[in-house]
Amino acid sequence: MTPVRTLFHGTKYIYKLADSAYGEWIIYQGGEPVYYLNVFDPKYDSVKNIIQTINDITSCLTQKFELNGNKLTVERTIIGIPFESKSFLRKYTLQKLPVSFFSNE
């Protein structure tokens, strides 16, 4: 996490996965991390065909979230100034993104 000072909301944090996190995303709601997605997780085997045909999973998830109106996002935008040049590691336990987000319903 990297702390960022914002003008109106005080200190916020930027959450990042490791640089080696291929096929993994943090899903945010209200600016806070709520879900974790690793496309290689066996939980997603039932939708593997859908995932493999998607060229840009970030865009696909964004469209699905908008269509379902659940206010989830793949990227967290923070407008602010980092007040420290250091970041620190913190382990979080997030729920896995439900498979139902890949359905066409």
Protein backbone atom coordinates (compact mmCIF):
# COMPACT_ATOMS: atom_id res chain seq x y z
CA MET A 1 0.00 0.00 0.00
CA THR A 2 1.14 3.48 -0.75
CA PRO A 3 -0.41 6.34 1.22
CA VAL A 4 -1.80 9.26 -0.79
CA ARG A 5 -3.09 12.49 0.71
CA THR A 6 -6.21 13.81 -1.01
CA LEU A 7 -7.56 17.31 -0.77
CA PHE A 8 -11.07 16.51 0.46
CA HIS A 9 -10.92 12.98 1.81
CA GLY A 10 -7.71 12.86 3.86
CA THR A 11 -5.39 9.91 3.45
CA LYS A 12 -6.28 7.10 1.04
CA TYR A 13 -4.24 4.08 0.06
CA ILE A 14 -3.25 2.61 -3.29
CA TYR A 15 -3.57 -1.18 -3.27
CA LYS A 16 -1.41 -3.20 -5.67
CA LEU A 17 -0.74 -6.83 -6.39
CA ALA A 18 2.83 -7.99 -6.82
CA ASP A 19 4.39 -7.29 -10.22
CA SER A 20 4.45 -11.04 -10.82
CA ALA A 21 0.64 -11.30 -10.38
CA TYR A 22 -0.25 -12.45 -13.91
CA GLY A 23 -3.99 -13.07 -14.44
CA GLU A 24 -4.94 -11.52 -11.11
CA TRP A 25 -7.04 -8.46 -10.28
CA ILE A 26 -8.38 -6.62 -7.27
CA ILE A 27 -12.04 -5.61 -7.61
CA TYR A 28 -13.11 -2.43 -5.79
CA GLN A 29 -16.42 -1.14 -4.48
CA GLY A 30 -16.65 2.36 -3.13
CA GLY A 31 -12.91 2.72 -3.55
CA GLU A 32 -12.07 -0.19 -1.24
CA PRO A 33 -10.97 -3.70 -2.28
CA VAL A 34 -13.78 -6.27 -1.95
CA TYR A 35 -13.00 -9.13 -4.38
CA TYR A 36 -9.99 -10.90 -5.78
CA LEU A 37 -9.86 -12.58 -9.18
CA ASN A 38 -7.25 -15.08 -10.29
CA VAL A 39 -8.33 -16.48 -13.65
CA PHE A 40 -6.23 -19.60 -13.07
CA ASP A 41 -8.13 -20.55 -9.90
CA PRO A 42 -10.01 -23.88 -10.29
CA LYS A 43 -13.15 -22.08 -9.06
CA TYR A 44 -13.42 -20.50 -12.52
CA ASP A 45 -13.08 -23.76 -14.48
CA SER A 46 -16.79 -23.66 -15.35
CA VAL A 47 -16.32 -20.31 -17.13
CA LYS A 48 -12.85 -20.98 -18.50
CA ASN A 49 -14.13 -20.90 -22.10
CA ILE A 50 -15.58 -17.43 -21.54
CA ILE A 51 -12.37 -16.19 -19.92
CA GLN A 52 -10.16 -17.63 -22.70
CA THR A 53 -12.16 -15.93 -25.46
CA ILE A 54 -11.90 -12.51 -23.80
CA ASN A 55 -9.05 -10.45 -25.20
CA ASP A 56 -9.27 -7.76 -22.54
CA ILE A 57 -10.70 -9.11 -19.29
CA THR A 58 -10.46 -5.68 -17.63
CA SER A 59 -12.81 -4.15 -20.21
CA CYS A 60 -15.11 -7.16 -20.04
CA LEU A 61 -15.41 -6.94 -16.25
CA THR A 62 -15.97 -3.19 -16.40
CA GLN A 63 -18.82 -3.66 -18.90
CA LYS A 64 -20.39 -6.45 -16.82
CA PHE A 65 -20.20 -4.36 -13.66
CA GLU A 66 -21.81 -1.39 -15.43
CA LEU A 67 -24.59 -3.53 -16.91
CA ASN A 68 -25.37 -5.12 -13.56
CA GLY A 69 -25.30 -1.74 -11.79
CA ASN A 70 -23.35 -3.11 -8.83
CA LYS A 71 -20.82 -0.24 -8.68
CA LEU A 72 -17.77 -2.48 -8.83
CA THR A 73 -14.63 -1.44 -10.66
CA VAL A 74 -11.31 -3.00 -11.61
CA GLU A 75 -9.28 0.16 -11.11
CA ARG A 76 -9.31 2.58 -8.24
CA THR A 77 -8.74 6.20 -9.14
CA ILE A 78 -7.33 8.45 -6.45
CA ILE A 79 -6.51 12.06 -7.13
CA GLY A 80 -3.88 13.12 -4.66
CA ILE A 81 -0.24 13.56 -3.79
CA PRO A 82 1.87 10.76 -2.29
CA PHE A 83 3.07 12.13 1.03
CA GLU A 84 5.65 9.42 1.57
CA SER A 85 7.95 7.85 -0.94
CA LYS A 86 7.75 4.53 0.87
CA SER A 87 5.11 1.90 0.51
CA PHE A 88 4.44 -0.95 2.87
CA LEU A 89 3.13 -4.47 2.55
CA ARG A 90 -0.06 -5.56 4.18
CA LYS A 91 -1.84 -8.84 3.63
CA TYR A 92 -5.58 -8.75 2.97
CA THR A 93 -8.05 -11.57 2.69
CA LEU A 94 -10.58 -10.81 -0.03
CA GLN A 95 -13.52 -12.87 -1.24
CA LYS A 96 -13.12 -14.44 -4.65
CA LEU A 97 -15.17 -12.79 -7.37
CA PRO A 98 -18.37 -14.87 -7.73
CA VAL A 99 -18.54 -16.95 -10.91
CA SER A 100 -21.98 -15.44 -11.55
CA PHE A 101 -20.29 -12.22 -12.72
CA PHE A 102 -19.31 -14.07 -15.90
CA SER A 103 -22.85 -15.19 -16.75
CA ASN A 104 -24.78 -13.50 -19.53
CA GLU A 105 -27.85 -12.91 -17.42
